[in-house]
Amino acid sequence: MSEVAARVGMVVQPAESEEGCTLPTAKVEGKDVPWDPAQLRKISEHPCFSENACHFFGRVHLAVAPKCNIQCNYCVRKFDCVNESRPGVTSKVLTPQEALERVKEVMAKVQYIKVVAVAGPGEPLFNEETFETFRLVKDEFPHLMRCLSTNGLLLSERIDDIEELDIGTVTVTLNTIDPAIGKDIYSFVNYHGKRYTGEEGAEILLKNQLEGIREAVKRKILIKVNTVLIPTVNDEHIVEVAKEISKLGVYMHNIIPLIPQFKFAHIKPPTPKEKEAIQDKCRKYVKEMTHCRHCRADAIGLLGKDIQGQMFAEQKKN
């Protein structure tokens, strides 16, 4: 475990609820932070946080965040294909007002949407449009859950805004807890206007990721961690990530097989069996997600049943 990881001391342990059910409790700075019914309801209705919910409830991804503050060696955001489903892909970057109109259109046609999310195509917390969008959506549709995905670099800095907007679920991409491995995953980290590379950049990113997760858990925000499985780079290290995030109070861990592109185009992706073998090791420490569908930044509908292409085909032509 890195020095940075060691400084973030949190332990998850079971606690008895009034109903007699065993619920997780995160120990934050020496104090127990129990889960509450509101968190459990979010889990039960969020298609990414519940394997059962994904069959009944859908989400809307609003692509309002084009800028990114890090460069992952597996990430390419400039291509769009209607038949391609992966993070970073969108047909159009929306303004916050356009995003609100999209939610209105979707809610008028689809009754099973429970979640409005911002997942790119860049880094949501690096784009003020993310927060403006959530403010508009919260005012118009207060009953919808709000969710975002982040690389975590600015998570602790924007945690007050996240809490104010009642963004109750956050996914953090955490690929390693070792900067020596991180230097091979990230080309650079752009932090407060300065570009960092190598282990220095990876260390800054890691420190902020762990601090951000800690702050989010303290505020009872549900956290899912995504880890990209990169053979020969972090495949033998992912179980250490699982151990660490279990201490942080993370609810769920999602191991995503590498899609070979950009600087990792030469790496052979892991097989389903290889992924499952690592999941088996990791689930000893944290709940593993097994129903991920590599969602686009503009996905709409149920997981694996994206309807955004059908609903907005005419708009995409214009």
Protein backbone atom coordinates (compact mmCIF):
# COMPACT_ATOMS: atom_id res chain seq x y z
CA MET A 1 0.00 0.00 0.00
CA SER A 2 1.33 3.46 -0.91
CA GLU A 3 2.07 6.17 1.62
CA VAL A 4 -0.85 8.16 0.23
CA ALA A 5 -3.24 5.24 0.68
CA ALA A 6 -2.03 4.63 4.20
CA ARG A 7 -2.89 8.19 5.21
CA VAL A 8 -6.58 7.64 4.41
CA GLY A 9 -7.72 5.41 7.28
CA MET A 10 -11.26 4.08 6.95
CA VAL A 11 -12.65 0.65 7.78
CA VAL A 12 -16.01 -0.79 6.75
CA GLN A 13 -17.79 -2.99 9.26
CA PRO A 14 -21.35 -4.36 9.62
CA ALA A 15 -23.92 -2.68 11.84
CA GLU A 16 -27.38 -3.80 12.93
CA SER A 17 -30.25 -1.65 11.71
CA GLU A 18 -33.54 -1.22 13.58
CA GLU A 19 -35.04 -3.86 11.29
CA GLY A 20 -32.34 -6.32 12.25
CA CYS A 21 -30.64 -6.25 8.85
CA THR A 22 -26.88 -6.07 8.65
CA LEU A 23 -25.82 -2.84 6.95
CA PRO A 24 -22.32 -1.53 6.22
CA THR A 25 -20.88 1.23 8.34
CA ALA A 26 -17.84 3.23 7.27
CA LYS A 27 -15.46 4.28 10.03
CA VAL A 28 -14.38 7.81 9.12
CA GLU A 29 -11.76 9.51 11.28
CA GLY A 30 -12.62 7.21 14.18
CA LYS A 31 -16.39 7.63 13.89
CA ASP A 32 -18.96 5.23 12.44
CA VAL A 33 -20.90 6.62 9.49
CA PRO A 34 -23.94 4.34 9.10
CA TRP A 35 -25.82 3.86 5.87
CA ASP A 36 -29.41 5.06 5.91
CA PRO A 37 -32.67 4.19 4.10
CA ALA A 38 -32.14 6.97 1.54
CA GLN A 39 -28.88 5.36 0.45
CA LEU A 40 -30.51 1.94 0.22
CA ARG A 41 -33.32 3.38 -1.90
CA LYS A 42 -30.78 4.89 -4.29
CA ILE A 43 -29.07 1.53 -4.62
CA SER A 44 -32.37 -0.25 -5.28
CA GLU A 45 -33.34 2.14 -8.10
CA HIS A 46 -29.97 2.90 -9.72
CA PRO A 47 -29.29 0.60 -12.70
CA CYS A 48 -25.51 0.79 -12.24
CA PHE A 49 -25.52 0.18 -8.49
CA SER A 50 -28.03 -2.69 -8.54
CA GLU A 51 -28.06 -5.68 -10.87
CA ASN A 52 -31.78 -6.06 -10.25
CA ALA A 53 -32.55 -2.40 -10.89
CA CYS A 54 -30.86 -2.47 -14.30
CA HIS A 55 -33.73 -4.62 -15.64
CA PHE A 56 -36.41 -2.12 -14.62
CA PHE A 57 -34.93 1.37 -14.37
CA GLY A 58 -32.99 3.48 -16.85
CA ARG A 59 -30.76 6.53 -16.96
CA VAL A 60 -30.02 9.55 -19.13
CA HIS A 61 -26.38 10.51 -19.73
CA LEU A 62 -25.98 14.18 -20.60
CA ALA A 63 -22.84 14.89 -22.63
CA VAL A 64 -22.11 18.41 -21.40
CA ALA A 65 -18.47 18.04 -20.30
CA PRO A 66 -16.01 17.98 -23.23
CA LYS A 67 -12.81 19.14 -21.49
CA CYS A 68 -10.56 16.75 -19.59
CA ASN A 69 -7.72 17.39 -17.14
CA ILE A 70 -5.83 14.12 -17.50
CA GLN A 71 -4.81 11.96 -20.44
CA CYS A 72 -5.27 8.23 -19.93
CA ASN A 73 -3.24 6.06 -22.26
CA TYR A 74 -6.34 4.03 -23.17
CA CYS A 75 -8.69 6.95 -23.86
CA VAL A 76 -9.74 8.43 -27.22
CA ARG A 77 -12.67 10.84 -27.15
CA LYS A 78 -12.69 12.34 -30.63
CA PHE A 79 -14.45 9.53 -32.52
CA ASP A 80 -18.18 8.85 -32.77
CA CYS A 81 -19.83 5.84 -34.34
CA VAL A 82 -23.51 4.99 -33.95
CA ASN A 83 -22.56 1.33 -33.49
CA GLU A 84 -19.88 2.04 -30.90
CA SER A 85 -20.64 1.86 -27.20
CA ARG A 86 -17.82 2.93 -24.91
CA PRO A 87 -17.03 5.74 -22.49
CA GLY A 88 -15.98 8.98 -24.15
CA VAL A 89 -18.22 8.57 -27.19
CA THR A 90 -21.00 11.06 -27.89
CA SER A 91 -22.80 12.26 -30.99
CA LYS A 92 -23.01 15.84 -29.78
CA VAL A 93 -21.83 17.95 -26.85
CA LEU A 94 -24.87 19.66 -25.32
CA THR A 95 -25.19 23.00 -23.61
CA PRO A 96 -26.83 22.88 -20.17
CA GLN A 97 -30.08 24.24 -21.60
CA GLU A 98 -30.02 21.68 -24.41
CA ALA A 99 -29.38 19.00 -21.80
CA LEU A 100 -32.46 20.08 -19.84
CA GLU A 101 -34.55 19.98 -22.99
CA ARG A 102 -33.26 16.50 -23.69
CA VAL A 103 -34.34 15.34 -20.24
CA LYS A 104 -37.78 16.85 -20.82
CA GLU A 105 -38.11 15.00 -24.13
CA VAL A 106 -36.98 11.71 -22.63
CA MET A 107 -39.23 11.95 -19.58
CA ALA A 108 -42.21 12.69 -21.83
CA LYS A 109 -41.62 9.48 -23.77
CA VAL A 110 -40.03 7.06 -21.29
CA GLN A 111 -41.46 6.29 -17.86
CA TYR A 112 -38.72 4.13 -16.39
CA ILE A 113 -35.93 6.74 -16.15
CA LYS A 114 -34.69 7.16 -12.57
CA VAL A 115 -31.23 8.70 -12.99
CA VAL A 116 -29.77 11.74 -14.74
CA ALA A 117 -25.99 11.51 -15.05
CA VAL A 118 -22.99 13.34 -16.48
CA ALA A 119 -20.22 10.99 -17.56
CA GLY A 120 -18.27 12.98 -20.11
CA PRO A 121 -17.18 12.87 -22.79
CA GLY A 122 -14.40 14.55 -20.79
CA GLU A 123 -14.06 15.08 -17.04
CA PRO A 124 -17.36 16.34 -15.53
CA LEU A 125 -15.75 18.15 -12.59
CA PHE A 126 -13.45 20.07 -14.96
CA ASN A 127 -16.45 21.60 -16.77
CA GLU A 128 -18.69 24.20 -15.11
CA GLU A 129 -21.42 23.14 -17.52
CA THR A 130 -21.79 19.99 -15.41
CA PHE A 131 -22.91 21.94 -12.37
CA GLU A 132 -25.13 24.30 -14.34
CA THR A 133 -26.82 21.29 -15.93
CA PHE A 134 -27.46 19.62 -12.60
CA ARG A 135 -28.92 22.85 -11.18
CA LEU A 136 -31.36 23.08 -14.08
CA VAL A 137 -32.33 19.42 -13.85
CA LYS A 138 -32.72 19.55 -10.07
CA ASP A 139 -35.10 22.50 -10.32
CA GLU A 140 -37.20 20.89 -13.06
CA PHE A 141 -37.03 17.23 -11.98
CA PRO A 142 -36.20 17.10 -8.26
CA HIS A 143 -37.36 13.49 -7.98
CA LEU A 144 -34.71 12.17 -10.38
CA MET A 145 -31.46 10.87 -8.89
CA ARG A 146 -28.36 12.76 -9.93
CA CYS A 147 -25.12 10.93 -10.67
CA LEU A 148 -21.71 11.66 -12.14
CA SER A 149 -18.52 9.89 -13.14
CA THR A 150 -15.10 11.39 -12.48
CA ASN A 151 -11.40 10.69 -12.59
CA GLY A 152 -11.32 12.06 -9.03
CA LEU A 153 -8.67 14.75 -9.52
CA LEU A 154 -11.05 17.53 -8.42
CA LEU A 155 -13.42 15.45 -6.32
CA SER A 156 -12.44 16.79 -2.91
CA GLU A 157 -12.40 20.38 -4.22
CA ARG A 158 -15.91 20.15 -5.68
CA ILE A 159 -17.45 17.97 -2.97
CA ASP A 160 -19.42 20.89 -1.48
CA ASP A 161 -21.00 21.59 -4.87
CA ILE A 162 -21.76 17.90 -5.31
CA GLU A 163 -23.45 17.74 -1.93
CA GLU A 164 -25.38 20.98 -2.50
CA LEU A 165 -26.80 19.62 -5.76
CA ASP A 166 -27.71 16.35 -4.01
CA ILE A 167 -25.64 14.26 -6.39
CA GLY A 168 -26.03 11.06 -4.43
CA THR A 169 -24.01 8.59 -6.49
CA VAL A 170 -20.50 9.10 -7.87
CA THR A 171 -18.29 6.78 -9.89
CA VAL A 172 -14.53 7.29 -9.57
CA THR A 173 -12.10 5.72 -12.02
CA LEU A 174 -9.23 4.45 -9.87
CA ASN A 175 -6.83 2.24 -11.83
CA THR A 176 -4.07 1.88 -9.27
CA ILE A 177 -2.99 2.86 -5.76
CA ASP A 178 0.68 2.79 -6.76
CA PRO A 179 2.11 5.86 -8.57
CA ALA A 180 4.82 3.64 -10.07
CA ILE A 181 2.06 1.87 -11.98
CA GLY A 182 0.09 5.06 -12.54
CA LYS A 183 2.95 6.63 -14.50
CA ASP A 184 2.40 3.97 -17.16
CA ILE A 185 -1.36 4.58 -17.32
CA TYR A 186 -1.48 8.39 -17.50
CA SER A 187 0.39 10.55 -20.00
CA PHE A 188 -0.17 13.69 -17.96
CA VAL A 189 -2.22 15.26 -15.19
CA ASN A 190 -3.27 18.90 -15.58
CA TYR A 191 -3.76 20.25 -12.06
CA HIS A 192 -4.37 23.92 -11.27
CA GLY A 193 -2.97 25.00 -14.63
CA LYS A 194 0.26 23.00 -14.42
CA ARG A 195 0.97 19.79 -16.30
CA TYR A 196 2.53 16.92 -14.35
CA THR A 197 3.87 13.68 -15.80
CA GLY A 198 5.36 10.42 -14.56
CA GLU A 199 5.07 9.36 -10.94
CA GLU A 200 4.61 12.96 -9.82
CA GLY A 201 1.42 13.32 -11.82
CA ALA A 202 0.18 9.89 -10.79
CA GLU A 203 0.85 10.69 -7.11
CA ILE A 204 -1.15 13.93 -7.28
CA LEU A 205 -4.03 12.15 -8.96
CA LEU A 206 -4.00 9.30 -6.44
CA LYS A 207 -3.87 11.60 -3.43
CA ASN A 208 -6.85 13.57 -4.68
CA GLN A 209 -8.80 10.46 -5.62
CA LEU A 210 -8.47 8.96 -2.15
CA GLU A 211 -9.21 12.23 -0.38
CA GLY A 212 -12.24 12.76 -2.60
CA ILE A 213 -13.63 9.31 -1.94
CA ARG A 214 -13.11 9.79 1.79
CA GLU A 215 -14.98 13.12 1.77
CA ALA A 216 -17.81 11.69 -0.33
CA VAL A 217 -18.33 8.73 1.99
CA LYS A 218 -18.36 11.07 5.00
CA ARG A 219 -21.29 12.88 3.34
CA LYS A 220 -23.09 9.58 2.63
CA ILE A 221 -22.58 9.80 -1.11
CA LEU A 222 -22.54 6.33 -2.64
CA ILE A 223 -19.29 5.54 -4.42
CA LYS A 224 -18.60 3.05 -7.20
CA VAL A 225 -15.00 2.62 -8.30
CA ASN A 226 -14.20 1.74 -11.90
CA THR A 227 -10.87 0.06 -12.60
CA VAL A 228 -9.71 -0.54 -16.16
CA LEU A 229 -8.05 -3.96 -16.37
CA ILE A 230 -4.89 -3.45 -18.43
CA PRO A 231 -2.92 -6.68 -18.98
CA THR A 232 0.82 -6.38 -18.23
CA VAL A 233 0.22 -2.99 -16.58
CA ASN A 234 -2.14 -3.28 -13.58
CA ASP A 235 -3.68 -6.75 -13.86
CA GLU A 236 -1.68 -8.19 -10.95
CA HIS A 237 -2.33 -5.07 -8.85
CA ILE A 238 -6.12 -4.74 -9.00
CA VAL A 239 -6.72 -6.84 -5.90
CA GLU A 240 -4.74 -4.21 -3.97
CA VAL A 241 -7.13 -1.58 -5.30
CA ALA A 242 -10.05 -3.68 -4.05
CA LYS A 243 -8.50 -4.00 -0.60
CA GLU A 244 -7.95 -0.27 -0.35
CA ILE A 245 -11.38 0.85 -1.53
CA SER A 246 -13.03 -1.58 0.87
CA LYS A 247 -11.37 0.37 3.68
CA LEU A 248 -12.63 3.63 2.17
CA GLY A 249 -16.28 2.61 2.38
CA VAL A 250 -16.78 2.19 -1.38
CA TYR A 251 -20.03 0.38 -2.17
CA MET A 252 -19.15 -1.28 -5.48
CA HIS A 253 -16.14 -2.09 -7.66
CA ASN A 254 -16.41 -2.36 -11.45
CA ILE A 255 -13.52 -3.97 -13.32
CA ILE A 256 -13.63 -2.88 -16.97
CA PRO A 257 -11.65 -4.81 -19.62
CA LEU A 258 -9.28 -2.66 -21.63
CA ILE A 259 -10.46 -1.55 -25.06
CA PRO A 260 -7.13 -1.45 -26.97
CA GLN A 261 -6.66 2.02 -28.43
CA PHE A 262 -4.38 5.07 -28.30
CA LYS A 263 -1.09 4.20 -26.53
CA PHE A 264 -2.43 0.82 -25.41
CA ALA A 265 -3.58 -0.22 -28.88
CA HIS A 266 -0.91 -2.94 -28.91
CA ILE A 267 -2.09 -4.62 -25.69
CA LYS A 268 -4.24 -7.70 -26.03
CA PRO A 269 -7.45 -7.20 -24.02
CA PRO A 270 -8.19 -9.60 -21.15
CA THR A 271 -10.45 -12.56 -21.80
CA PRO A 272 -13.74 -12.92 -19.89
CA LYS A 273 -12.16 -15.73 -17.86
CA GLU A 274 -9.18 -13.57 -16.93
CA LYS A 275 -11.50 -10.79 -15.82
CA GLU A 276 -13.66 -13.20 -13.80
CA ALA A 277 -10.60 -14.62 -12.07
CA ILE A 278 -9.61 -11.16 -10.85
CA GLN A 279 -13.19 -10.39 -9.83
CA ASP A 280 -13.24 -13.56 -7.74
CA LYS A 281 -10.16 -12.38 -5.86
CA CYS A 282 -11.52 -8.86 -5.40
CA ARG A 283 -15.01 -9.77 -4.20
CA LYS A 284 -13.49 -11.02 -0.97
CA TYR A 285 -13.04 -7.35 -0.13
CA VAL A 286 -15.72 -5.38 -2.00
CA LYS A 287 -18.92 -5.97 -3.96
CA GLU A 288 -18.12 -6.55 -7.62
CA MET A 289 -20.26 -5.19 -10.46
CA THR A 290 -20.97 -7.80 -13.12
CA HIS A 291 -23.57 -6.06 -15.31
CA CYS A 292 -21.57 -3.13 -16.78
CA ARG A 293 -22.27 -2.34 -20.45
CA HIS A 294 -19.55 0.24 -21.29
CA CYS A 295 -22.01 3.13 -21.58
CA ARG A 296 -21.56 6.01 -24.00
CA ALA A 297 -21.44 9.56 -22.68
CA ASP A 298 -24.88 10.15 -24.24
CA ALA A 299 -26.53 6.84 -23.37
CA ILE A 300 -30.28 6.75 -22.70
CA GLY A 301 -32.45 3.89 -21.49
CA LEU A 302 -31.73 0.57 -19.84
CA LEU A 303 -28.19 -0.76 -19.59
CA GLY A 304 -27.41 -2.60 -22.79
CA LYS A 305 -30.57 -1.27 -24.47
CA ASP A 306 -29.61 2.24 -25.53
CA ILE A 307 -32.47 4.13 -27.18
CA GLN A 308 -30.82 7.52 -27.71
CA GLY A 309 -30.07 6.77 -31.36
CA GLN A 310 -33.73 6.05 -32.04
CA MET A 311 -35.09 9.02 -30.09
CA PHE A 312 -32.79 11.67 -31.52
CA ALA A 313 -31.93 10.35 -34.98
CA GLU A 314 -33.33 13.42 -36.68
CA GLN A 315 -31.47 15.82 -34.40
CA LYS A 316 -28.18 14.06 -35.14
CA LYS A 317 -28.68 14.63 -38.87
CA ASN A 318 -29.05 18.38 -38.40
